[in-house]
Amino acid sequence: MRQTGKKVEHVAVCLFACPAKVTVQNEISSMLFTRRWLLVAPALLLWWIVGQIDKSNISFVIIDSRFLDQLHLNGRYSELGSLLSAFFLGYGASIFVWGFVVDRFGARVCLLSGTLAWALIMFLMSRATTFQELWIARFMLGVAEGNMWPVSNLLTNRWFPSREHARAQAFWMMGPTLGTALGVPLVIRLLATDGWSEMMQTLAFISLVPLVAFLFVADSHDPANSGGHERFNERNAGKHRSQQAPLKEILANKAFWLITLGMILSGATIFTLVQWTPSFLTEQRGLARQSMNFGLTFGYLLATALTLFFGAIADRTMNRALTAAAASFIFAVLIVPSALVLSPWASAVALAGLITVPCVVPALNGALLHGMIQPEFIARATGIYSGIGGIVAAAGPWIFGRLVGLLGGEYWGGFMFLALLNLLSAAVYFFLQRQPTKQNYEFIAQD
């Protein structure tokens, strides 16, 4: 009976556990009571939450009648789609540069400078009086936020052991879903009470909040002040460097470009779905603002939990590419009925919940990359695949808006477009799972 109880205890923790040789007590001490999980991971999560609120608030601005009247954008779906895409063009283009800058000057300096820049741009955006001025401001906001992927990937690599990479990245990738869940009621309230310009000014101030947390986060852990279990970077670097490649070899690796293609597809999905869902729910499904607020918030909270769940499964099974393939396929099957078949409120919950997939897939991309490349090249490699992904994926919101316009205001073509993107994504990751490099990921992650 006692033996059965021990087995039950092991099963209860195995989803978030390290390899089988590690005891439950060591697992708790190596994760929950460390600086990386008590400070670094929550600081990154907060940063991504705020960044998501700043980038996604435009999806509610474009359904605000005062904004549409002021900038003369009523019924101009292509222009609205272009405004949504402007951020992601700047985001994708700047990630290339940020990747090399982060490797050169360190994650902390780049994080602080980039965040100050985007707070300033948010304030300037509030002063825009024409569509062109707002488009440029959105583009520049994307440039400033382009540091997020290189900084986050580098800090994850420097602070977390390889066996925790997918969980760590899934943890801070809860930021987009939590940010949207918190941002929905905040932005709607500010729009209703203050107007879109004053809302931007308030968000500019909120953008500075994460800087406080990062005053206490260094570029990497300090082995002298850490427990013995945290000396993983030095150990991993010596043991696995032969398994990891320099940047030039990575650029010649088919697996790297499959990850890049996956980043394009997941980026186009999340950029488009987050930005266009509020318009769809209010215009086509006739959902009241208050009901939409509650439904989206509930769905995004659900997506937050599911993102962490998928990250844990990927780490436990060490089949990260296969996990991404399964998640993408689920999205492809569910997106159209979630949008068009369910009741309006249930549709809001389902569409927000499906954000899980384009959040967890980039997290798994990062975990895959950590097993492929030497640590000193992480940020610039991130800049390359995320930069290409961001630039190409920026077309997603514009294509969706174009389809809506061509179909006379109907959204079904846009959701079919998202389904096709994710069918292709499932095929990409299934093929990636069969690449020889998969064995390297497993070997490294089970240290």
Protein backbone atom coordinates (compact mmCIF):
# COMPACT_ATOMS: atom_id res chain seq x y z
CA MET A 1 0.00 0.00 0.00
CA ARG A 2 2.87 2.33 0.89
CA GLN A 3 4.54 1.54 -2.42
CA THR A 4 1.34 2.41 -4.29
CA GLY A 5 1.18 5.75 -2.47
CA LYS A 6 4.70 6.57 -3.55
CA LYS A 7 3.81 5.81 -7.15
CA VAL A 8 0.80 8.10 -6.94
CA GLU A 9 2.99 10.86 -5.51
CA HIS A 10 5.47 10.40 -8.34
CA VAL A 11 2.72 10.55 -10.98
CA ALA A 12 1.31 13.70 -9.40
CA VAL A 13 4.56 15.60 -9.88
CA CYS A 14 5.91 13.93 -13.02
CA LEU A 15 4.27 16.39 -15.41
CA PHE A 16 6.40 19.22 -14.02
CA ALA A 17 9.27 17.04 -12.87
CA CYS A 18 12.85 16.67 -13.99
CA PRO A 19 14.15 13.30 -15.28
CA ALA A 20 13.20 10.26 -13.28
CA LYS A 21 16.50 10.10 -11.35
CA VAL A 22 15.73 13.43 -9.66
CA THR A 23 13.75 13.12 -6.43
CA VAL A 24 10.63 15.09 -5.63
CA GLN A 25 12.51 17.10 -3.03
CA ASN A 26 15.28 18.03 -5.44
CA GLU A 27 12.73 19.00 -8.08
CA ILE A 28 11.01 21.41 -5.71
CA SER A 29 14.28 22.98 -4.60
CA SER A 30 15.66 23.16 -8.15
CA MET A 31 12.60 25.02 -9.46
CA LEU A 32 10.33 26.71 -6.96
CA PHE A 33 12.90 28.06 -4.48
CA THR A 34 15.44 29.50 -6.85
CA ARG A 35 16.11 33.03 -7.98
CA ARG A 36 15.33 32.08 -11.57
CA TRP A 37 11.78 30.97 -10.74
CA LEU A 38 11.07 33.50 -7.99
CA LEU A 39 12.43 36.57 -9.80
CA VAL A 40 13.59 36.06 -13.41
CA ALA A 41 10.59 34.12 -14.73
CA PRO A 42 7.97 36.41 -13.07
CA ALA A 43 9.85 39.53 -14.26
CA LEU A 44 9.83 38.24 -17.84
CA LEU A 45 6.15 37.34 -17.52
CA LEU A 46 5.29 40.85 -16.30
CA TRP A 47 7.29 42.38 -19.14
CA TRP A 48 5.43 40.32 -21.74
CA ILE A 49 2.06 41.13 -20.13
CA VAL A 50 2.70 44.86 -20.41
CA GLY A 51 4.12 44.51 -23.92
CA GLN A 52 1.03 42.63 -25.03
CA ILE A 53 -1.30 45.29 -23.65
CA ASP A 54 0.66 47.95 -25.52
CA LYS A 55 0.66 46.12 -28.83
CA SER A 56 -2.89 44.74 -28.76
CA ASN A 57 -4.87 47.75 -27.51
CA ILE A 58 -5.27 48.85 -31.14
CA SER A 59 -7.69 45.96 -31.72
CA PHE A 60 -10.18 47.76 -29.47
CA VAL A 61 -9.28 51.23 -30.67
CA ILE A 62 -10.33 50.34 -34.23
CA ILE A 63 -13.88 49.57 -33.06
CA ASP A 64 -14.16 52.83 -31.13
CA SER A 65 -16.54 55.15 -33.00
CA ARG A 66 -14.76 58.33 -31.89
CA PHE A 67 -11.45 57.05 -33.19
CA LEU A 68 -12.95 55.92 -36.51
CA ASP A 69 -14.65 59.27 -37.01
CA GLN A 70 -11.60 61.28 -36.05
CA LEU A 71 -9.29 59.46 -38.46
CA HIS A 72 -11.99 58.85 -41.12
CA LEU A 73 -11.56 55.05 -41.11
CA ASN A 74 -15.14 53.80 -41.01
CA GLY A 75 -15.49 50.73 -43.27
CA ARG A 76 -11.90 50.95 -44.52
CA TYR A 77 -10.89 47.38 -43.67
CA SER A 78 -7.67 47.33 -45.69
CA GLU A 79 -6.39 50.49 -43.99
CA LEU A 80 -7.32 49.12 -40.57
CA GLY A 81 -5.52 45.87 -41.42
CA SER A 82 -2.50 47.91 -42.52
CA LEU A 83 -2.55 49.77 -39.21
CA LEU A 84 -2.55 46.44 -37.37
CA SER A 85 0.32 45.16 -39.53
CA ALA A 86 2.45 48.30 -39.09
CA PHE A 87 3.53 47.22 -35.61
CA PHE A 88 4.60 43.79 -36.78
CA LEU A 89 6.59 45.13 -39.72
CA GLY A 90 8.67 47.23 -37.34
CA TYR A 91 8.79 44.36 -34.87
CA GLY A 92 10.09 41.84 -37.36
CA ALA A 93 12.58 44.18 -39.03
CA SER A 94 14.10 45.34 -35.74
CA ILE A 95 14.53 41.86 -34.24
CA PHE A 96 17.40 41.26 -36.69
CA VAL A 97 19.28 44.22 -35.25
CA TRP A 98 18.24 43.63 -31.67
CA GLY A 99 19.58 40.06 -31.82
CA PHE A 100 23.14 41.24 -32.48
CA VAL A 101 22.83 44.20 -30.10
CA VAL A 102 21.63 41.96 -27.25
CA ASP A 103 24.54 39.56 -27.78
CA ARG A 104 26.94 42.53 -27.81
CA PHE A 105 25.66 44.63 -24.89
CA GLY A 106 23.71 42.14 -22.81
CA ALA A 107 20.05 41.46 -22.14
CA ARG A 108 19.54 43.85 -19.23
CA VAL A 109 20.81 47.01 -20.95
CA CYS A 110 18.77 46.27 -24.08
CA LEU A 111 15.66 45.51 -22.07
CA LEU A 112 15.83 48.76 -20.12
CA SER A 113 16.57 50.94 -23.16
CA GLY A 114 13.95 49.28 -25.36
CA THR A 115 11.24 49.55 -22.72
CA LEU A 116 11.95 53.24 -22.13
CA ALA A 117 11.72 53.78 -25.88
CA TRP A 118 8.36 52.06 -26.26
CA ALA A 119 6.90 53.98 -23.29
CA LEU A 120 7.90 57.22 -25.03
CA ILE A 121 6.41 56.05 -28.34
CA MET A 122 3.14 55.12 -26.62
CA PHE A 123 2.91 58.69 -25.37
CA LEU A 124 3.70 60.10 -28.82
CA MET A 125 1.06 57.81 -30.32
CA SER A 126 -1.53 59.50 -28.15
CA ARG A 127 -0.75 62.78 -29.95
CA ALA A 128 -1.34 61.39 -33.46
CA THR A 129 -4.00 63.24 -35.47
CA THR A 130 -3.81 61.43 -38.83
CA PHE A 131 -3.76 57.85 -40.02
CA GLN A 132 -0.21 58.32 -41.35
CA GLU A 133 1.10 59.58 -38.00
CA LEU A 134 -0.50 56.69 -36.15
CA TRP A 135 0.86 54.19 -38.70
CA ILE A 136 4.41 55.50 -38.20
CA ALA A 137 4.01 55.43 -34.42
CA ARG A 138 2.77 51.84 -34.55
CA PHE A 139 5.74 50.91 -36.71
CA MET A 140 8.17 52.52 -34.27
CA LEU A 141 6.48 50.79 -31.34
CA GLY A 142 7.21 47.51 -33.11
CA VAL A 143 10.86 48.54 -33.50
CA ALA A 144 11.12 49.27 -29.78
CA GLU A 145 9.42 46.01 -28.75
CA GLY A 146 11.59 43.99 -31.12
CA ASN A 147 14.02 43.39 -28.28
CA MET A 148 11.59 41.10 -26.45
CA TRP A 149 12.39 37.78 -28.16
CA PRO A 150 16.23 38.09 -28.16
CA VAL A 151 16.30 39.35 -24.56
CA SER A 152 13.89 36.70 -23.27
CA ASN A 153 15.59 33.84 -25.10
CA LEU A 154 19.02 34.91 -23.87
CA LEU A 155 17.90 35.26 -20.24
CA THR A 156 16.20 31.87 -20.45
CA ASN A 157 19.39 30.30 -21.78
CA ARG A 158 21.59 31.96 -19.15
CA TRP A 159 19.34 31.36 -16.13
CA PHE A 160 17.55 28.05 -16.75
CA PRO A 161 18.89 24.52 -17.28
CA SER A 162 18.03 22.81 -20.53
CA ARG A 163 15.56 20.45 -18.86
CA GLU A 164 13.45 23.51 -17.91
CA HIS A 165 13.66 25.48 -21.17
CA ALA A 166 10.20 24.65 -22.53
CA ARG A 167 8.55 25.30 -19.16
CA ALA A 168 10.44 28.54 -18.65
CA GLN A 169 9.54 29.80 -22.12
CA ALA A 170 5.95 28.65 -21.77
CA PHE A 171 5.84 30.54 -18.46
CA TRP A 172 6.76 33.92 -19.90
CA MET A 173 4.83 33.16 -23.08
CA MET A 174 1.75 33.22 -20.85
CA GLY A 175 2.33 36.97 -21.08
CA PRO A 176 0.46 37.43 -24.38
CA THR A 177 -2.61 35.61 -23.07
CA LEU A 178 -2.53 37.15 -19.60
CA GLY A 179 -1.75 40.55 -21.10
CA THR A 180 -4.76 40.30 -23.36
CA ALA A 181 -6.98 38.98 -20.53
CA LEU A 182 -5.98 41.91 -18.31
CA GLY A 183 -5.86 44.35 -21.19
CA VAL A 184 -9.40 43.71 -22.43
CA PRO A 185 -11.23 45.18 -19.39
CA LEU A 186 -8.54 47.83 -18.84
CA VAL A 187 -8.54 49.13 -22.41
CA ILE A 188 -12.33 49.00 -22.77
CA ARG A 189 -12.76 50.95 -19.53
CA LEU A 190 -10.17 53.56 -20.48
CA LEU A 191 -11.72 53.97 -23.93
CA ALA A 192 -15.15 54.46 -22.42
CA THR A 193 -14.08 56.92 -19.73
CA ASP A 194 -11.10 58.78 -21.20
CA GLY A 195 -11.01 58.18 -24.96
CA TRP A 196 -8.33 56.56 -27.08
CA SER A 197 -5.72 59.32 -26.78
CA GLU A 198 -5.79 59.46 -22.98
CA MET A 199 -5.79 55.67 -22.88
CA MET A 200 -2.47 55.64 -24.76
CA GLN A 201 -0.97 58.04 -22.22
CA THR A 202 -2.03 55.82 -19.32
CA LEU A 203 -0.53 52.76 -21.01
CA ALA A 204 2.70 54.69 -21.60
CA PHE A 205 3.06 55.11 -17.85
CA ILE A 206 2.20 51.44 -17.17
CA SER A 207 4.94 50.45 -19.64
CA LEU A 208 7.55 51.60 -17.12
CA VAL A 209 6.40 49.23 -14.35
CA PRO A 210 8.44 46.14 -15.41
CA LEU A 211 11.66 48.15 -15.21
CA VAL A 212 11.49 48.00 -11.42
CA ALA A 213 11.67 44.19 -11.42
CA PHE A 214 14.60 44.09 -13.84
CA LEU A 215 16.70 46.34 -11.65
CA PHE A 216 17.31 43.15 -9.65
CA VAL A 217 17.91 40.79 -12.60
CA ALA A 218 21.44 40.33 -13.92
CA ASP A 219 22.36 39.06 -17.38
CA SER A 220 23.02 35.60 -15.93
CA HIS A 221 22.91 33.81 -12.59
CA ASP A 222 25.78 34.19 -10.12
CA PRO A 223 27.11 30.69 -9.35
CA ALA A 224 28.79 31.97 -6.20
CA ASN A 225 25.42 32.92 -4.73
CA SER A 226 23.41 30.01 -6.09
CA GLY A 227 22.85 26.47 -4.93
CA GLY A 228 24.87 23.66 -6.42
CA HIS A 229 21.94 22.68 -8.63
CA GLU A 230 22.16 26.05 -10.42
CA ARG A 231 25.63 25.47 -11.83
CA PHE A 232 24.02 24.14 -14.95
CA ASN A 233 25.25 26.58 -17.58
CA GLU A 234 28.90 25.85 -16.97
CA ARG A 235 28.26 22.13 -16.80
CA ASN A 236 26.06 22.08 -19.89
CA ALA A 237 28.47 24.24 -21.86
CA GLY A 238 31.31 21.83 -21.29
CA LYS A 239 29.36 18.63 -21.74
CA HIS A 240 27.18 19.51 -24.73
CA ARG A 241 29.13 22.02 -26.77
CA SER A 242 29.97 19.23 -29.21
CA GLN A 243 26.22 18.73 -29.66
CA GLN A 244 25.60 22.43 -30.37
CA ALA A 245 26.65 24.35 -33.44
CA PRO A 246 27.97 27.85 -34.09
CA LEU A 247 25.81 30.33 -35.96
CA LYS A 248 27.17 29.60 -39.45
CA GLU A 249 26.37 25.92 -39.17
CA ILE A 250 22.90 26.67 -37.82
CA LEU A 251 22.12 28.84 -40.85
CA ALA A 252 22.92 25.85 -43.07
CA ASN A 253 20.69 23.57 -40.99
CA LYS A 254 17.32 22.56 -42.45
CA ALA A 255 15.84 22.29 -38.95
CA PHE A 256 16.57 25.96 -38.24
CA TRP A 257 14.65 27.06 -41.32
CA LEU A 258 11.76 24.77 -40.45
CA ILE A 259 11.61 26.52 -37.06
CA THR A 260 11.67 29.84 -38.91
CA LEU A 261 8.74 28.76 -41.09
CA GLY A 262 6.88 27.66 -37.99
CA MET A 263 7.55 31.07 -36.46
CA ILE A 264 6.06 32.76 -39.53
CA LEU A 265 2.90 30.67 -39.31
CA SER A 266 2.39 31.03 -35.56
CA GLY A 267 3.19 34.74 -35.73
CA ALA A 268 0.66 35.35 -38.49
CA THR A 269 -1.91 33.42 -36.47
CA ILE A 270 -1.54 35.28 -33.20
CA PHE A 271 -1.06 38.70 -34.82
CA THR A 272 -4.25 38.24 -36.82
CA LEU A 273 -6.46 36.52 -34.27
CA VAL A 274 -5.75 38.91 -31.40
CA GLN A 275 -6.19 41.99 -33.56
CA TRP A 276 -9.35 41.01 -35.46
CA THR A 277 -11.35 39.03 -32.89
CA PRO A 278 -13.00 42.04 -31.17
CA SER A 279 -14.16 43.46 -34.52
CA PHE A 280 -15.55 40.08 -35.57
CA LEU A 281 -17.45 39.58 -32.33
CA THR A 282 -19.04 43.02 -32.35
CA GLU A 283 -19.70 43.46 -36.07
CA GLN A 284 -20.64 39.97 -37.28
CA ARG A 285 -21.72 38.14 -34.13
CA GLY A 286 -23.44 41.17 -32.57
CA LEU A 287 -21.92 40.59 -29.14
CA ALA A 288 -22.31 43.44 -26.67
CA ARG A 289 -19.12 45.04 -25.38
CA GLN A 290 -19.65 43.87 -21.80
CA SER A 291 -20.35 40.28 -22.84
CA MET A 292 -17.36 40.33 -25.17
CA ASN A 293 -15.19 41.66 -22.35
CA PHE A 294 -16.16 38.80 -20.04
CA GLY A 295 -15.95 36.10 -22.72
CA LEU A 296 -12.53 37.15 -24.01
CA THR A 297 -11.10 37.55 -20.51
CA PHE A 298 -12.30 34.08 -19.51
CA GLY A 299 -10.92 32.57 -22.73
CA TYR A 300 -7.53 34.23 -22.35
CA LEU A 301 -7.22 33.03 -18.76
CA LEU A 302 -7.98 29.53 -20.00
CA ALA A 303 -5.31 29.95 -22.69
CA THR A 304 -2.82 31.01 -20.03
CA ALA A 305 -3.22 27.75 -18.14
CA LEU A 306 -3.16 25.69 -21.33
CA THR A 307 0.07 27.36 -22.50
CA LEU A 308 1.88 26.27 -19.35
CA PHE A 309 0.31 22.81 -19.63
CA PHE A 310 1.59 22.28 -23.18
CA GLY A 311 5.05 23.50 -22.16
CA ALA A 312 5.15 20.97 -19.33
CA ILE A 313 4.09 18.15 -21.66
CA ALA A 314 6.80 19.12 -24.15
CA ASP A 315 9.49 19.08 -21.46
CA ARG A 316 8.30 15.84 -19.94
CA THR A 317 8.00 13.93 -23.22
CA MET A 318 10.94 15.74 -24.89
CA ASN A 319 8.87 15.67 -28.10
CA ARG A 320 8.72 19.43 -28.52
CA ALA A 321 8.24 19.46 -32.28
CA LEU A 322 5.54 16.79 -32.07
CA THR A 323 3.76 18.79 -29.36
CA ALA A 324 3.79 21.84 -31.65
CA ALA A 325 2.44 19.74 -34.52
CA ALA A 326 -0.43 18.41 -32.42
CA ALA A 327 -1.31 21.86 -31.10
CA SER A 328 -1.32 23.36 -34.61
CA PHE A 329 -3.57 20.60 -35.92
CA ILE A 330 -6.03 21.12 -33.07
CA PHE A 331 -6.19 24.82 -33.94
CA ALA A 332 -6.77 24.11 -37.63
CA VAL A 333 -9.69 21.81 -36.84
CA LEU A 334 -11.36 24.06 -34.26
CA ILE A 335 -10.93 27.63 -35.51
CA VAL A 336 -13.76 27.80 -38.08
CA PRO A 337 -16.48 26.12 -35.97
CA SER A 338 -15.35 28.12 -32.93
CA ALA A 339 -15.89 31.34 -34.85
CA LEU A 340 -19.02 30.54 -36.85
CA VAL A 341 -20.95 27.69 -35.23
CA LEU A 342 -20.95 28.42 -31.50
CA SER A 343 -23.09 31.03 -29.81
CA PRO A 344 -21.55 34.53 -29.80
CA TRP A 345 -20.40 34.38 -26.19
CA ALA A 346 -19.06 30.81 -26.53
CA SER A 347 -17.29 31.95 -29.71
CA ALA A 348 -15.53 34.69 -27.73
CA VAL A 349 -14.32 32.15 -25.16
CA ALA A 350 -13.23 29.62 -27.80
CA LEU A 351 -11.37 32.10 -30.00
CA ALA A 352 -9.53 33.51 -27.00
CA GLY A 353 -8.75 30.01 -25.77
CA LEU A 354 -7.28 29.04 -29.13
CA ILE A 355 -4.63 31.74 -28.62
CA THR A 356 -2.94 28.96 -26.63
CA VAL A 357 -1.55 27.46 -29.82
CA PRO A 358 0.28 30.45 -31.36
CA CYS A 359 1.65 31.19 -27.86
CA VAL A 360 2.98 27.74 -27.05
CA VAL A 361 4.46 27.09 -30.51
CA PRO A 362 6.97 30.00 -30.31
CA ALA A 363 7.89 28.86 -26.79
CA LEU A 364 8.68 25.40 -28.17
CA ASN A 365 10.66 27.01 -30.99
CA GLY A 366 12.89 28.65 -28.42
CA ALA A 367 13.37 25.39 -26.53
CA LEU A 368 14.32 23.65 -29.79
CA LEU A 369 16.78 26.43 -30.63
CA HIS A 370 18.53 26.18 -27.26
CA GLY A 371 19.45 22.60 -28.09
CA MET A 372 20.86 23.52 -31.50
CA ILE A 373 23.16 26.48 -30.99
CA GLN A 374 25.98 27.56 -28.69
CA PRO A 375 24.82 29.93 -25.92
CA GLU A 376 26.85 32.93 -27.12
CA PHE A 377 24.85 32.99 -30.38
CA ILE A 378 21.36 32.58 -28.89
CA ALA A 379 20.23 36.21 -29.17
CA ARG A 380 21.37 36.76 -32.75
CA ALA A 381 19.94 33.40 -33.90
CA THR A 382 16.68 34.42 -32.22
CA GLY A 383 16.87 37.73 -34.06
CA ILE A 384 17.19 35.94 -37.38
CA TYR A 385 14.34 33.45 -37.09
CA SER A 386 12.04 35.76 -35.13
CA GLY A 387 12.87 38.68 -37.42
CA ILE A 388 12.02 36.77 -40.56
CA GLY A 389 8.96 35.38 -38.83
CA GLY A 390 7.79 38.80 -37.70
CA ILE A 391 8.25 40.51 -41.06
CA VAL A 392 6.42 37.86 -43.08
CA ALA A 393 3.78 37.29 -40.40
CA ALA A 394 2.98 41.00 -40.43
CA ALA A 395 1.02 40.35 -43.63
CA GLY A 396 -1.45 38.21 -41.66
CA PRO A 397 -3.71 41.00 -40.29
CA TRP A 398 -3.66 42.77 -43.66
CA ILE A 399 -4.60 39.59 -45.57
CA PHE A 400 -7.40 38.90 -43.08
CA GLY A 401 -8.73 42.44 -43.47
CA ARG A 402 -8.44 42.21 -47.24
CA LEU A 403 -10.48 38.99 -47.25
CA VAL A 404 -13.14 40.58 -45.06
CA GLY A 405 -13.36 43.50 -47.48
CA LEU A 406 -13.56 41.26 -50.55
CA LEU A 407 -16.33 39.21 -48.93
CA GLY A 408 -18.43 42.28 -48.19
CA GLY A 409 -17.74 42.36 -44.45
CA GLU A 410 -18.01 38.58 -43.92
CA TYR A 411 -15.25 37.00 -41.82
CA TRP A 412 -15.43 33.33 -42.77
CA GLY A 413 -12.69 33.63 -45.40
CA GLY A 414 -10.31 35.06 -42.83
CA PHE A 415 -10.86 32.15 -40.45
CA MET A 416 -10.35 29.67 -43.29
CA PHE A 417 -7.05 31.45 -43.93
CA LEU A 418 -6.01 30.88 -40.29
CA ALA A 419 -7.03 27.20 -40.51
CA LEU A 420 -4.84 26.70 -43.58
CA LEU A 421 -1.89 28.40 -41.88
CA ASN A 422 -2.09 25.97 -38.99
CA LEU A 423 -2.51 22.88 -41.15
CA LEU A 424 0.77 23.89 -42.77
CA SER A 425 2.27 24.48 -39.33
CA ALA A 426 1.30 20.96 -38.22
CA ALA A 427 3.02 19.54 -41.30
CA VAL A 428 6.16 21.61 -40.64
CA TYR A 429 6.58 20.41 -37.07
CA PHE A 430 5.74 16.82 -37.91
CA PHE A 431 8.54 16.92 -40.49
CA LEU A 432 10.83 18.64 -37.97
CA GLN A 433 10.17 15.88 -35.46
CA ARG A 434 11.58 13.39 -37.96
CA GLN A 435 14.83 15.32 -38.46
CA PRO A 436 18.04 13.79 -37.04
CA THR A 437 18.57 16.87 -34.86
CA LYS A 438 15.70 15.68 -32.67
CA GLN A 439 18.09 13.29 -30.93
CA ASN A 440 20.33 16.17 -29.97
CA TYR A 441 17.42 18.00 -28.36
CA GLU A 442 16.57 14.96 -26.28
CA PHE A 443 20.17 14.36 -25.23
CA ILE A 444 20.69 17.92 -24.11
CA ALA A 445 17.38 18.33 -22.35
CA GLN A 446 17.77 15.21 -20.23
CA ASP A 447 20.93 16.41 -18.52
